[in-house]
Every structure is written in C-alpha cells, then in structure tokens.
C-alpha cells in the first residue's frame, strides 16, 4: 500500500469550540492512500486541559491535550498550588509532578494505566534514582517506555525535575 504525506488546509472551523470545551479542528498532517484520493481527514475533537499553572496563559500552552484516544501531557514542573517553594529533593519534586500529571490525565479521560511513554528531565544526573523511585511508585506494573534526560536547567532554578507523559486511552 502506498502512502503520501499531505497537509490539510486550515479552515475557520479549526479553532471553534463545542459546548464541552472541545476544540474542533482538522489534523494539520494526515496520511492518505494516494494523492489522487484527496483529503480524507475527518473532523477531530481536541480537548485542552489546564492545571492552573501561571505559565499556561503567558506561554500559550495546555497542561494536556487530548485528540481522539491520544493524550499528551506537557512538561510538568513541581509548581506548588499556593505558589510556594517546591520540595527541596528530586523525589519530592517528581512526586509533585506526578500529582499534577495524574490529575491532568484524569481530566482528559485517561489514567496511569493508559500511559505509554514518559520522559523525566533532570538538572542533575545523580538524581535519577530518586526521580526513578517516584516514577516506579506510579508505573511499576504499567512499565511505559521511558527516558531520563539530563538538561542544563529549567525556567525556575529551584526545579530539579520536569516530567512529560503520553497516553493512549483504552476501554476498561
């Protein structure tokens, strides 16, 4: 079977919302059997989830985005609900990140069991075991694909950990 990569044209409908807060739009990239078949993409629902982070409106992002059965949770830092200091250690920060991530998944209609990939970003390589311990407390029996990546730093120098997850929602 041959596949060609096509780009869907944007329409005025691309950013309209339905009564449940879903954004209706077309995928910006889609696959179709051959160029002669034309655009076979259908409207998809796009649901945006906010965590209330002060960075969301400034940067213009959502904590999570659900499109069809896929949920993408943005890089999640240990932002405290009261704006206070995050825990001082990587384990405590990773636990806080996972609290935020799991709440975003729930609001998007997913659960930890649906997670297929995680990325843990650390500012210090020696923190991998502590962040890994927090990861294992959530995903030990689920075992998603995982990467632990050491980075130079984050927007807030108090942060030691940031976590992203991707999920595919399955019927239970």
Protein backbone atom coordinates (compact mmCIF):
# COMPACT_ATOMS: atom_id res chain seq x y z
CA UNK A 1 0.00 0.00 0.00
CA UNK A 2 1.38 3.42 -0.91
CA UNK A 3 1.08 6.37 1.42
CA UNK A 4 1.65 10.01 0.71
CA UNK A 5 2.05 12.76 3.23
CA UNK A 6 -0.47 15.56 2.85
CA UNK A 7 -1.15 18.78 4.69
CA UNK A 8 -4.73 19.75 5.40
CA UNK A 9 -5.75 23.32 4.72
CA UNK A 10 -6.76 25.39 7.74
CA UNK A 11 -10.36 26.46 7.94
CA UNK A 12 -12.36 28.85 10.10
CA UNK A 13 -13.74 25.77 11.87
CA UNK A 14 -10.24 24.79 13.02
CA UNK A 15 -10.47 26.62 16.34
CA UNK A 16 -14.19 26.62 17.14
CA UNK A 17 -15.27 25.05 20.46
CA UNK A 18 -18.23 22.80 21.18
CA UNK A 19 -20.35 23.03 24.36
CA UNK A 20 -17.99 20.68 26.29
CA UNK A 21 -14.86 22.76 25.78
CA UNK A 22 -13.55 20.57 22.97
CA UNK A 23 -11.75 22.34 20.16
CA UNK A 24 -12.96 21.15 16.78
CA UNK A 25 -10.35 21.11 14.07
CA UNK A 26 -8.59 19.20 11.35
CA UNK A 27 -5.28 17.42 11.78
CA UNK A 28 -2.51 19.55 10.30
CA UNK A 29 -0.80 16.46 8.87
CA UNK A 30 -2.52 13.29 7.71
CA UNK A 31 -1.87 10.19 5.64
CA UNK A 32 -3.97 9.07 2.70
CA UNK A 33 -3.59 6.19 0.26
CA UNK A 34 -2.62 8.24 -2.74
CA UNK A 35 -2.59 11.90 -3.70
CA UNK A 36 -5.49 11.24 -6.07
CA UNK A 37 -7.70 10.29 -3.13
CA UNK A 38 -7.58 13.84 -1.81
CA UNK A 39 -8.17 14.92 1.74
CA UNK A 40 -9.83 12.07 3.61
CA UNK A 41 -9.37 13.52 7.09
CA UNK A 42 -12.44 13.96 9.23
CA UNK A 43 -13.09 16.49 11.94
CA UNK A 44 -11.43 15.50 15.19
CA UNK A 45 -12.14 16.66 18.69
CA UNK A 46 -9.31 18.38 20.51
CA UNK A 47 -9.73 18.80 24.25
CA UNK A 48 -7.50 21.16 26.20
CA UNK A 49 -6.82 20.61 29.91
CA UNK A 50 -5.47 23.34 32.16
CA UNK A 51 -3.76 22.81 35.52
CA UNK A 52 -3.91 26.46 36.51
CA UNK A 53 -0.16 26.93 36.10
CA UNK A 54 0.69 30.62 35.91
CA UNK A 55 2.81 29.81 32.83
CA UNK A 56 -0.08 28.45 30.72
CA UNK A 57 -1.62 31.77 29.60
CA UNK A 58 1.74 33.52 29.28
CA UNK A 59 3.42 30.84 27.16
CA UNK A 60 0.20 29.73 25.46
CA UNK A 61 0.08 26.03 26.26
CA UNK A 62 -2.19 23.47 27.89
CA UNK A 63 -1.22 21.02 30.61
CA UNK A 64 -2.68 18.26 28.47
CA UNK A 65 -4.23 17.91 25.05
CA UNK A 66 -6.48 15.01 24.07
CA UNK A 67 -7.06 14.23 20.40
CA UNK A 68 -9.12 11.10 19.80
CA UNK A 69 -7.69 8.42 22.11
CA UNK A 70 -4.27 10.09 22.49
CA UNK A 71 -3.39 12.30 25.46
CA UNK A 72 -0.22 14.39 25.57
CA UNK A 73 0.78 15.89 28.91
CA UNK A 74 3.17 18.85 28.63
CA UNK A 75 6.41 19.14 30.52
CA UNK A 76 5.23 19.32 34.12
CA UNK A 77 7.32 21.04 36.77
CA UNK A 78 6.79 20.84 40.54
CA UNK A 79 4.70 24.01 40.72
CA UNK A 80 3.02 24.23 44.11
CA UNK A 81 -0.70 25.10 44.33
CA UNK A 82 -0.03 28.07 46.61
CA UNK A 83 2.97 29.30 44.61
CA UNK A 84 5.30 28.27 47.43
CA UNK A 85 8.66 26.57 47.22
CA UNK A 86 8.73 23.09 45.70
CA UNK A 87 10.17 20.21 47.73
CA UNK A 88 13.94 20.51 48.00
CA UNK A 89 14.71 16.98 46.75
CA UNK A 90 14.23 15.23 43.39
CA UNK A 91 11.96 12.54 44.86
CA UNK A 92 9.56 15.10 46.37
CA UNK A 93 9.58 17.16 43.19
CA UNK A 94 8.92 14.11 41.00
CA UNK A 95 6.00 13.12 43.27
CA UNK A 96 4.55 16.63 42.90
CA UNK A 97 4.98 16.43 39.11
CA UNK A 98 3.17 13.09 39.05
CA UNK A 99 0.31 14.50 41.16
CA UNK A 100 -0.18 17.20 38.52
CA UNK A 101 0.24 14.75 35.61
CA UNK A 102 -2.24 12.20 37.01
CA UNK A 103 -4.85 14.91 37.63
CA UNK A 104 -4.42 16.17 34.03
CA UNK A 105 -4.78 12.61 32.70
CA UNK A 106 -7.96 12.14 34.72
CA UNK A 107 -9.43 15.41 33.43
CA UNK A 108 -8.64 14.22 29.89
CA UNK A 109 -10.43 10.91 30.50
CA UNK A 110 -7.25 8.83 30.90
CA UNK A 111 -5.44 7.10 33.76
CA UNK A 112 -1.94 5.99 34.66
CA UNK A 113 -2.73 2.61 33.07
CA UNK A 114 -3.08 4.35 29.69
CA UNK A 115 0.41 5.89 29.76
CA UNK A 116 2.68 4.50 27.04
CA UNK A 117 5.68 6.83 27.28
CA UNK A 118 7.29 9.05 29.90
CA UNK A 119 10.17 11.49 29.81
CA UNK A 120 11.85 12.60 33.02
CA UNK A 121 14.10 15.65 32.74
CA UNK A 122 16.65 16.24 35.50
CA UNK A 123 19.14 19.02 36.14
CA UNK A 124 21.48 16.62 37.99
CA UNK A 125 22.30 13.11 36.77
CA UNK A 126 22.76 11.90 40.35
CA UNK A 127 19.02 12.45 40.98
CA UNK A 128 17.97 9.67 38.59
CA UNK A 129 17.38 7.11 41.36
CA UNK A 130 15.17 9.39 43.43
CA UNK A 131 13.14 10.50 40.41
CA UNK A 132 13.09 6.88 39.23
CA UNK A 133 11.72 5.76 42.61
CA UNK A 134 8.80 8.20 42.28
CA UNK A 135 8.28 7.01 38.68
CA UNK A 136 8.24 3.39 39.84
CA UNK A 137 5.64 4.12 42.50
CA UNK A 138 3.25 5.19 39.74
CA UNK A 139 4.29 2.93 36.84
CA UNK A 140 5.92 -0.24 38.26
CA UNK A 141 3.18 -2.51 36.92
CA UNK A 142 2.42 -0.41 33.82
CA UNK A 143 6.00 -0.10 32.56
CA UNK A 144 5.70 2.58 29.85
CA UNK A 145 8.61 3.41 27.56
CA UNK A 146 10.79 5.86 29.47
CA UNK A 147 13.70 8.21 29.02
CA UNK A 148 15.62 10.06 31.71
CA UNK A 149 17.32 13.10 30.25
CA UNK A 150 19.75 15.47 31.95
CA UNK A 151 19.27 19.12 31.00
CA UNK A 152 21.14 22.31 31.85
CA UNK A 153 18.25 23.89 33.77
CA UNK A 154 14.62 24.95 33.91
CA UNK A 155 12.79 28.29 33.94
CA UNK A 156 12.75 28.25 37.74
CA UNK A 157 16.18 27.41 39.20
CA UNK A 158 14.52 25.65 42.19
CA UNK A 159 13.20 22.93 39.89
CA UNK A 160 15.23 19.74 39.67
CA UNK A 161 12.67 17.65 37.77
CA UNK A 162 10.19 18.06 34.93
CA UNK A 163 8.06 15.22 33.54
CA UNK A 164 6.11 14.62 30.30
CA UNK A 165 3.79 11.71 29.52
CA UNK A 166 1.91 10.38 26.51
CA UNK A 167 -1.11 8.10 26.84
CA UNK A 168 -3.42 6.11 24.61
CA UNK A 169 -6.84 5.68 26.20
CA UNK A 170 -8.20 2.16 26.11
CA UNK A 171 -11.63 0.90 27.03
CA UNK A 172 -11.87 -0.56 30.51
